[in-house]
Protein backbone atom coordinates (compact mmCIF):
# COMPACT_ATOMS: atom_id res chain seq x y z
CA MET A 1 -45.35 -19.86 -95.75
CA LYS A 2 -48.41 -22.09 -95.44
CA VAL A 3 -49.66 -23.40 -98.53
CA LEU A 4 -53.19 -25.57 -98.97
CA ILE A 5 -53.15 -27.67 -102.17
CA VAL A 6 -57.08 -28.59 -103.28
CA VAL A 7 -57.62 -31.68 -105.56
CA PRO A 8 -61.15 -33.26 -106.33
CA SER A 9 -59.36 -36.64 -105.45
CA ILE A 10 -56.51 -38.86 -105.50
CA ALA A 11 -57.64 -41.95 -106.50
CA THR A 12 -55.43 -44.27 -108.27
CA LEU A 13 -58.14 -44.57 -111.00
CA TYR A 14 -58.11 -40.63 -112.18
CA GLY A 15 -54.61 -41.51 -113.01
CA GLY A 16 -51.94 -38.73 -112.68
CA THR A 17 -53.33 -35.89 -111.81
CA SER A 18 -53.90 -37.99 -108.48
CA LYS A 19 -50.11 -39.04 -108.56
CA LEU A 20 -49.40 -35.36 -108.89
CA ALA A 21 -51.09 -33.92 -105.82
CA ILE A 22 -49.58 -36.22 -103.64
CA GLU A 23 -45.95 -35.71 -105.02
CA LEU A 24 -46.58 -31.92 -104.96
CA ALA A 25 -47.52 -31.51 -101.64
CA GLN A 26 -44.06 -34.25 -100.79
CA ALA A 27 -41.60 -32.17 -102.71
CA LEU A 28 -42.87 -29.25 -101.21
CA GLY A 29 -43.09 -30.25 -97.61
CA GLU A 30 -39.57 -31.34 -98.36
CA SER A 31 -38.97 -27.84 -99.59
CA GLY A 32 -39.35 -26.40 -96.03
CA ILE A 33 -43.41 -25.06 -97.04
CA GLU A 34 -45.67 -26.22 -94.64
CA ALA A 35 -47.88 -28.22 -96.73
CA ASP A 36 -51.49 -28.98 -96.48
CA LEU A 37 -53.71 -31.52 -99.46
CA ILE A 38 -57.14 -31.59 -98.97
CA THR A 39 -58.85 -34.21 -101.26
CA THR A 40 -62.73 -35.98 -101.17
CA ASN A 41 -63.13 -39.79 -100.90
CA ALA A 42 -64.22 -39.96 -104.41
CA ASP A 43 -62.84 -43.20 -106.22
CA GLY A 44 -65.08 -43.64 -109.14
CA LYS A 45 -68.51 -44.87 -108.20
CA ALA A 46 -66.85 -46.53 -104.83
CA ALA A 47 -65.51 -44.49 -101.82
CA LEU A 48 -61.60 -44.80 -100.73
CA ALA A 49 -61.64 -46.57 -97.43
CA VAL A 50 -59.65 -43.29 -95.80
CA PRO A 51 -60.32 -41.55 -92.57
CA LEU A 52 -62.22 -38.53 -92.81
CA ASN A 53 -61.96 -34.99 -91.27
CA ARG A 54 -58.96 -34.97 -89.50
CA TRP A 55 -55.33 -34.10 -90.75
CA ILE A 56 -53.60 -37.83 -91.45
CA ASP A 57 -49.64 -37.29 -91.55
CA GLN A 58 -47.62 -38.25 -93.70
CA GLY A 59 -44.02 -36.85 -93.10
CA SER A 60 -43.68 -34.06 -95.06
CA TYR A 61 -47.10 -32.79 -95.80
CA ARG A 62 -50.86 -33.25 -94.05
CA ILE A 63 -53.98 -34.64 -96.20
CA ARG A 64 -57.29 -34.52 -94.90
CA TYR A 65 -60.19 -36.35 -97.04
CA PHE A 66 -63.76 -35.37 -96.77
CA ALA A 67 -66.95 -37.35 -97.76
CA ARG A 68 -68.23 -37.25 -101.07
CA SER A 69 -72.15 -36.03 -100.27
CA PHE A 70 -73.68 -37.68 -103.82
CA ASN A 71 -72.37 -40.50 -105.85
CA ASN A 72 -71.11 -38.74 -109.12
CA GLU A 73 -68.62 -37.52 -111.07
CA PHE A 74 -69.09 -33.52 -109.76
CA LYS A 75 -67.92 -34.47 -106.30
CA PHE A 76 -70.25 -32.46 -104.58
CA SER A 77 -68.96 -32.18 -100.35
CA PHE A 78 -71.44 -30.92 -97.52
CA SER A 79 -68.23 -31.39 -95.23
CA LEU A 80 -65.40 -30.19 -97.43
CA THR A 81 -67.60 -27.21 -98.38
CA ARG A 82 -67.89 -26.12 -94.55
CA TRP A 83 -64.31 -26.77 -94.13
CA LEU A 84 -63.10 -24.58 -96.62
CA TRP A 85 -65.71 -21.86 -95.25
CA GLN A 86 -64.14 -22.01 -91.77
CA HIS A 87 -60.03 -22.76 -92.54
CA LEU A 88 -59.19 -21.51 -95.46
CA PRO A 89 -57.83 -18.15 -94.74
CA GLU A 90 -55.55 -19.57 -92.58
CA TYR A 91 -53.28 -19.86 -95.68
CA ASP A 92 -50.99 -18.00 -97.74
CA VAL A 93 -51.98 -19.30 -101.19
CA VAL A 94 -54.26 -21.85 -102.50
CA HIS A 95 -53.22 -24.25 -105.28
CA THR A 96 -55.36 -25.99 -107.34
CA ILE A 97 -55.67 -28.89 -109.43
CA SER A 98 -58.26 -29.79 -111.82
CA LEU A 99 -61.08 -28.05 -113.00
CA PHE A 100 -64.84 -28.87 -114.03
CA THR A 101 -65.58 -30.31 -110.33
CA TYR A 102 -67.20 -28.58 -107.23
CA PRO A 103 -64.37 -28.54 -104.98
CA ILE A 104 -62.11 -26.56 -107.28
CA ALA A 105 -64.50 -24.42 -108.30
CA LEU A 106 -65.82 -23.91 -104.64
CA THR A 107 -62.28 -23.29 -103.53
CA HIS A 108 -62.18 -20.33 -106.41
CA TRP A 109 -65.16 -18.84 -105.40
CA LEU A 110 -64.41 -19.01 -101.63
CA CYS A 111 -60.88 -17.54 -102.36
CA ARG A 112 -62.28 -14.66 -104.49
CA ILE A 113 -64.23 -13.70 -101.45
CA ARG A 114 -61.85 -14.34 -99.01
CA HIS A 115 -59.65 -11.76 -101.16
CA ILE A 116 -56.81 -15.29 -100.85
CA PRO A 117 -54.51 -15.64 -103.65
CA TYR A 118 -54.49 -18.92 -105.39
CA VAL A 119 -52.91 -20.39 -108.35
CA THR A 120 -54.40 -23.15 -110.56
CA ASN A 121 -53.25 -25.82 -112.22
CA PRO A 122 -55.98 -26.77 -115.05
CA GLN A 123 -54.33 -30.32 -115.92
CA GLY A 124 -54.93 -30.16 -119.95
CA MET A 125 -58.33 -30.08 -119.16
CA LEU A 126 -58.05 -26.21 -120.86
CA GLU A 127 -56.50 -27.93 -124.54
CA PRO A 128 -58.51 -27.19 -127.37
CA TRP A 129 -59.44 -31.18 -127.99
CA ALA A 130 -60.47 -31.43 -124.01
CA LEU A 131 -62.30 -28.77 -124.39
CA SER A 132 -63.81 -29.67 -127.79
CA TYR A 133 -64.94 -33.26 -125.44
CA LYS A 134 -68.50 -33.06 -124.40
CA ALA A 135 -68.18 -29.74 -125.44
CA TRP A 136 -71.89 -28.00 -124.73
CA LYS A 137 -71.61 -29.30 -121.70
CA LYS A 138 -68.19 -27.97 -120.50
CA GLN A 139 -68.71 -24.80 -122.70
CA LEU A 140 -71.58 -23.77 -120.37
CA TYR A 141 -70.01 -24.42 -117.37
CA TYR A 142 -66.71 -22.78 -119.11
CA HIS A 143 -68.44 -19.73 -119.45
CA TRP A 144 -70.56 -19.24 -116.19
CA ILE A 145 -68.27 -21.20 -113.40
CA GLU A 146 -64.31 -21.45 -114.94
CA ARG A 147 -63.59 -18.35 -116.58
CA PRO A 148 -64.69 -15.86 -114.39
CA THR A 149 -62.72 -17.74 -111.79
CA LEU A 150 -59.44 -18.39 -113.93
CA GLN A 151 -59.82 -14.55 -115.14
CA ARG A 152 -59.01 -13.82 -111.35
CA ALA A 153 -56.65 -16.26 -110.18
CA SER A 154 -52.73 -15.35 -109.08
CA THR A 155 -51.15 -17.57 -111.33
CA ILE A 156 -51.86 -19.79 -114.02
CA GLN A 157 -50.11 -22.87 -114.22
CA MET A 158 -49.32 -24.49 -117.47
CA LEU A 159 -47.28 -27.29 -117.73
CA SER A 160 -45.43 -26.67 -120.98
CA ASP A 161 -44.63 -23.98 -123.51
CA ALA A 162 -47.48 -25.61 -126.15
CA GLU A 163 -50.41 -25.49 -123.39
CA ALA A 164 -49.95 -21.91 -122.93
CA GLU A 165 -50.05 -21.30 -126.77
CA GLY A 166 -53.05 -23.78 -127.11
CA ILE A 167 -55.14 -21.17 -124.62
CA LYS A 168 -54.42 -18.15 -125.81
CA PRO A 169 -57.58 -17.72 -127.82
CA LEU A 170 -59.46 -17.72 -124.60
CA ASN A 171 -57.97 -14.37 -123.81
CA LEU A 172 -57.39 -15.32 -119.93
CA GLN A 173 -56.02 -12.44 -118.29
CA ALA A 174 -53.98 -13.51 -115.25
CA PRO A 175 -50.70 -14.11 -115.14
CA ILE A 176 -49.42 -17.92 -116.64
CA LEU A 177 -46.34 -19.44 -115.12
CA ILE A 178 -45.03 -22.63 -117.26
CA THR A 179 -43.86 -25.36 -114.54
CA PRO A 180 -44.13 -28.81 -115.88
CA ASN A 181 -44.78 -31.91 -113.77
CA GLY A 182 -41.99 -34.16 -112.60
CA ILE A 183 -40.85 -37.35 -110.69
CA HIS A 184 -38.79 -38.03 -107.72
CA ARG A 185 -35.15 -39.12 -108.97
CA ARG A 186 -34.64 -41.48 -105.82
CA GLU A 187 -37.45 -43.70 -107.92
CA PHE A 188 -35.97 -44.30 -111.42
CA GLU A 189 -31.82 -44.22 -109.81
CA THR A 190 -31.85 -48.04 -109.47
CA ARG A 191 -33.23 -50.05 -111.97
CA SER A 192 -36.15 -52.18 -111.37
CA SER A 193 -35.93 -56.12 -112.26
CA PRO A 194 -38.80 -57.21 -114.75
CA GLU A 195 -39.13 -60.22 -113.01
CA GLY A 196 -42.16 -59.02 -110.94
CA PHE A 197 -44.06 -58.68 -114.11
CA TYR A 198 -43.21 -61.74 -116.21
CA GLN A 199 -44.76 -63.52 -113.36
CA GLN A 200 -47.90 -61.67 -112.95
CA PHE A 201 -48.01 -61.59 -117.13
CA GLN A 202 -46.17 -65.08 -117.39
CA ALA A 203 -47.03 -65.22 -121.33
CA LEU A 204 -45.49 -62.04 -121.93
CA ARG A 205 -42.04 -63.38 -121.51
CA ASN A 206 -39.75 -63.16 -124.17
CA LYS A 207 -41.96 -60.96 -126.08
CA THR A 208 -41.20 -57.68 -127.00
CA LEU A 209 -43.65 -55.28 -125.04
CA ILE A 210 -44.40 -52.18 -126.35
CA LEU A 211 -46.11 -50.31 -123.89
CA PHE A 212 -49.29 -47.58 -123.10
CA LEU A 213 -49.12 -46.37 -119.96
CA GLY A 214 -51.97 -44.47 -118.78
CA ARG A 215 -55.95 -44.12 -118.75
CA VAL A 216 -58.25 -46.09 -121.02
CA ASP A 217 -59.91 -43.00 -122.51
CA PRO A 218 -60.88 -41.72 -125.52
CA LYS A 219 -58.37 -38.84 -126.03
CA LYS A 220 -55.60 -41.22 -124.98
CA GLY A 221 -55.78 -41.87 -129.09
CA LEU A 222 -56.31 -45.79 -128.80
CA ASP A 223 -58.11 -45.60 -131.99
CA LEU A 224 -54.81 -44.71 -133.35
CA LEU A 225 -52.58 -46.72 -131.70
CA ALA A 226 -54.45 -49.81 -132.64
CA PRO A 227 -54.10 -49.62 -136.51
CA ALA A 228 -50.56 -48.84 -135.95
CA PHE A 229 -49.69 -51.73 -133.89
CA ALA A 230 -51.31 -53.77 -136.32
CA GLN A 231 -48.63 -53.08 -138.87
CA VAL A 232 -45.66 -53.18 -136.35
CA HIS A 233 -46.69 -56.31 -135.73
CA GLN A 234 -47.17 -58.09 -139.11
CA GLN A 235 -43.30 -56.56 -139.34
CA PHE A 236 -42.33 -57.70 -136.24
CA PRO A 237 -44.74 -60.98 -135.00
CA ASN A 238 -43.06 -61.28 -131.24
CA THR A 239 -44.59 -57.31 -130.66
CA HIS A 240 -46.90 -57.70 -127.96
CA LEU A 241 -48.69 -54.63 -126.75
CA VAL A 242 -49.40 -53.87 -123.18
CA ILE A 243 -52.18 -51.50 -122.26
CA ALA A 244 -51.65 -50.82 -118.74
CA GLY A 245 -54.03 -48.09 -117.10
CA PRO A 246 -57.16 -48.19 -114.92
CA ASP A 247 -60.84 -47.51 -116.99
CA ASN A 248 -62.73 -45.08 -115.16
CA ILE A 249 -65.41 -44.16 -117.78
CA ASN A 250 -66.09 -47.98 -119.51
CA PHE A 251 -64.95 -47.38 -122.02
CA GLN A 252 -62.37 -50.86 -122.71
CA PRO A 253 -64.84 -52.34 -124.50
CA THR A 254 -64.53 -49.64 -127.17
CA ALA A 255 -61.28 -49.76 -127.24
CA GLU A 256 -61.08 -53.54 -127.48
CA ARG A 257 -63.38 -53.24 -130.62
CA TYR A 258 -60.78 -51.11 -131.91
CA PHE A 259 -57.58 -54.21 -131.77
CA GLU A 260 -60.32 -56.63 -133.01
CA GLN A 261 -61.28 -54.22 -135.97
CA ALA A 262 -57.82 -54.09 -136.77
CA HIS A 263 -57.03 -58.24 -136.38
CA CYS A 264 -54.56 -58.14 -133.92
CA ARG A 265 -56.27 -58.21 -130.31
CA ASP A 266 -54.66 -61.51 -129.39
CA ALA A 267 -51.26 -59.33 -129.64
CA VAL A 268 -52.45 -57.09 -126.99
CA THR A 269 -53.24 -57.58 -123.18
CA PHE A 270 -54.72 -54.97 -120.91
CA THR A 271 -53.79 -55.65 -117.39
CA GLY A 272 -55.39 -52.35 -115.34
CA MET A 273 -53.88 -50.19 -113.46
CA LEU A 274 -50.45 -50.72 -112.23
CA THR A 275 -49.31 -49.23 -109.26
CA GLY A 276 -45.59 -49.22 -107.41
CA GLU A 277 -43.37 -52.06 -108.06
CA LEU A 278 -45.04 -54.06 -110.36
CA LYS A 279 -45.42 -50.34 -112.38
CA HIS A 280 -41.27 -49.85 -112.40
CA SER A 281 -41.28 -54.10 -113.28
CA ALA A 282 -43.70 -53.22 -116.15
CA LEU A 283 -41.29 -50.22 -117.42
CA ALA A 284 -38.19 -52.21 -116.73
CA ALA A 285 -40.16 -55.23 -119.36
CA ALA A 286 -40.88 -52.66 -122.11
CA THR A 287 -38.77 -52.10 -125.18
CA LEU A 288 -40.45 -48.96 -126.87
CA TYR A 289 -43.18 -46.70 -125.07
CA VAL A 290 -46.01 -45.44 -126.83
CA ALA A 291 -48.46 -42.58 -126.11
CA PRO A 292 -50.75 -41.52 -128.71
CA SER A 293 -52.30 -38.80 -127.76
CA TYR A 294 -54.85 -36.28 -128.73
CA SER A 295 -54.43 -34.10 -126.21
CA GLU A 296 -51.93 -33.98 -123.02
CA GLY A 297 -51.36 -31.54 -120.09
CA PHE A 298 -48.00 -32.78 -119.42
CA SER A 299 -48.26 -36.64 -118.79
CA MET A 300 -46.75 -37.90 -115.94
CA SER A 301 -46.27 -41.47 -117.48
CA ILE A 302 -44.06 -40.12 -120.04
CA LEU A 303 -41.90 -38.63 -117.73
CA GLU A 304 -41.92 -42.25 -116.47
CA GLY A 305 -41.19 -44.02 -119.36
CA MET A 306 -38.01 -41.66 -120.23
CA ALA A 307 -36.62 -42.02 -116.57
CA SER A 308 -36.75 -45.23 -117.40
CA ALA A 309 -34.99 -44.96 -120.08
CA LEU A 310 -37.13 -46.14 -122.36
CA PRO A 311 -37.45 -44.94 -126.63
CA CYS A 312 -40.91 -43.23 -126.34
CA VAL A 313 -42.92 -42.57 -129.26
CA ILE A 314 -45.32 -39.72 -128.13
CA THR A 315 -47.52 -37.28 -130.38
CA THR A 316 -47.23 -33.48 -130.45
CA GLY A 317 -50.66 -33.48 -128.68
CA CYS A 318 -48.47 -34.47 -125.77
CA ASN A 319 -47.27 -31.41 -125.40
CA PHE A 320 -43.55 -32.20 -125.48
CA PRO A 321 -41.54 -30.67 -127.82
CA GLU A 322 -38.81 -29.98 -125.44
CA ALA A 323 -37.56 -33.80 -126.29
CA ALA A 324 -37.88 -33.32 -129.89
CA THR A 325 -35.39 -30.71 -129.49
CA ALA A 326 -32.80 -33.03 -126.86
CA HIS A 327 -33.28 -36.28 -128.97
CA ALA A 328 -35.21 -37.91 -126.41
CA ALA A 329 -38.26 -38.84 -127.86
CA GLU A 330 -39.99 -39.82 -131.43
CA VAL A 331 -42.48 -36.54 -131.23
CA VAL A 332 -45.01 -37.33 -134.42
CA GLU A 333 -47.86 -35.51 -135.80
CA ILE A 334 -51.40 -37.37 -134.47
CA GLY A 335 -52.46 -39.96 -136.99
CA VAL A 336 -51.63 -43.72 -137.19
CA ASP A 337 -49.11 -43.58 -140.53
CA ALA A 338 -46.89 -41.16 -137.99
CA ILE A 339 -47.11 -43.33 -135.05
CA THR A 340 -46.67 -47.01 -137.08
CA SER A 341 -43.33 -45.56 -139.39
CA ALA A 342 -41.64 -43.99 -135.48
CA LEU A 343 -42.25 -47.35 -133.71
CA ILE A 344 -40.95 -49.34 -136.37
CA ARG A 345 -38.40 -47.45 -137.10
CA LEU A 346 -36.98 -47.88 -133.37
CA LEU A 347 -37.65 -51.42 -133.54
CA HIS A 348 -35.36 -51.62 -136.65
CA ASN A 349 -32.57 -49.49 -135.08
CA PRO A 350 -32.26 -50.96 -131.25
CA ASN A 351 -28.84 -49.19 -130.90
CA SER A 352 -30.54 -46.28 -131.54
CA ALA A 353 -33.26 -46.99 -129.84
CA ARG A 354 -31.25 -47.29 -126.86
CA GLU A 355 -29.41 -44.38 -127.15
CA MET A 356 -32.26 -42.37 -127.27
CA GLY A 357 -33.66 -43.88 -124.13
CA ASP A 358 -30.86 -43.26 -122.42
CA ARG A 359 -30.98 -39.10 -123.86
CA ALA A 360 -34.62 -39.37 -122.21
CA ARG A 361 -33.57 -40.44 -118.82
CA ASN A 362 -30.91 -37.65 -118.51
CA LEU A 363 -33.01 -35.15 -119.60
CA ILE A 364 -35.63 -35.56 -117.02
CA PHE A 365 -33.41 -36.30 -114.83
CA GLU A 366 -31.48 -32.42 -115.22
CA SER A 367 -34.79 -30.48 -115.92
CA TYR A 368 -37.94 -32.45 -114.71
CA THR A 369 -37.76 -33.13 -111.19
CA TRP A 370 -39.52 -32.72 -108.10
CA ASN A 371 -37.10 -30.23 -106.08
CA ARG A 372 -36.54 -28.34 -109.10
CA ILE A 373 -40.13 -27.93 -109.73
CA ALA A 374 -40.74 -26.73 -105.90
CA GLU A 375 -38.28 -24.12 -106.47
CA LYS A 376 -39.59 -22.74 -109.18
CA LEU A 377 -43.28 -22.73 -107.28
CA ILE A 378 -42.29 -21.43 -104.89
CA ARG A 379 -40.50 -18.51 -106.15
CA CYS A 380 -43.97 -18.09 -107.43
CA TYR A 381 -45.71 -18.45 -104.06
CA SER A 382 -43.51 -15.68 -102.40
CA ASN A 383 -44.21 -13.44 -105.40
CA ILE A 384 -47.81 -13.63 -104.95
CA ASP A 385 -47.64 -13.30 -101.41
CA GLN A 386 -45.20 -9.86 -101.57
CA THR A 387 -47.75 -8.23 -104.17
CA SER A 388 -51.25 -6.92 -103.70
CA SER A 389 -52.59 -6.86 -106.48
CA PRO A 390 -51.48 -10.13 -108.64
CA THR A 391 -53.16 -9.42 -111.56
CA ASN A 392 -50.31 -6.22 -111.91
CA THR A 393 -47.40 -8.15 -111.13
CA SER A 394 -46.68 -10.66 -114.18
CA SER A 395 -44.73 -8.53 -115.48
CA THR A 396 -42.21 -8.50 -111.90
CA TYR A 397 -42.40 -12.75 -112.51
CA PRO A 398 -38.56 -13.37 -113.56
CA ASP A 399 -40.06 -17.61 -114.70
CA TYR A 400 -43.37 -16.17 -116.53
CA TYR A 401 -44.95 -16.54 -119.35
């Protein structure tokens, strides 16, 4: 089977969406699928320094970059348009990641007119909070562009039961498959050393670090975290908050003001994007992980925190109730008091916190690895490929919501 994965960009600036596209392609390739990944060279206002318009062999999959034609976040690309028109029929199934961007809208439209089945993963962009942010623009775009193609999708991939429940008011008719994001177990089986992080951020050595790992963005709840952390820091003066993630919309000055207003800015470090071994070293240095988000599809960084055996405080907006059921994380309501209480509770009870971290690691290793997720998606692709009318077959798919 030949599968084409389409994502607007894989620049690290775009966070978890970029990472999951690469890891999905790798996992499918390692499972025997002929997987190709296409994307643009967009990197915020800059462009990735990558070869264009040719396949790059990545071992288990191939990747091809196309030049973004105009410097904007819609990521229009003439060369991508031409290539998709010519080569889309070569694939059995197309899997798109993200919404509200030109490469995805174009791919869905071409799949419809070429009668090629497509699976789409909105990555949390249909969540009520996400749709309400910049609402009038999104509502117009959704009504005229996204909704018609979502209705005709062979499958809509939701990352959690909670996300699937959240889109019910949209009354989409396409079959829904619940398949989360994952991690490669091999990356987390050996514990990293915190020394690399301390060498780069020497002032944080011997501090009790609380780690926020994600984009600096309005939906991530930093306005809630600032007053919550201020209260935590008052009780535990040795605590220090590390905010590790890219700022692709120039939101960091606003975020910093949240902490200034909460009178705890001196106990907060914005590190920027951490990748590779430095990110693993930061996870090893941290005592707690916190995700105060208003809305998530299914956060890759939460999985990484839990796989690193960190006690995690996450909100219900993170769409991971399974973590609460397994007593593998503190899953709290979206609010300052709830976040504050959970952080203080874990700091007061370090033994219980460590036990929670161990349960978190076991949960991720058992149920949220890419090899398991790839198996489920391959069953989905096979069912689609064997069915002439996907919109009439949801009852035949055993994994479907």
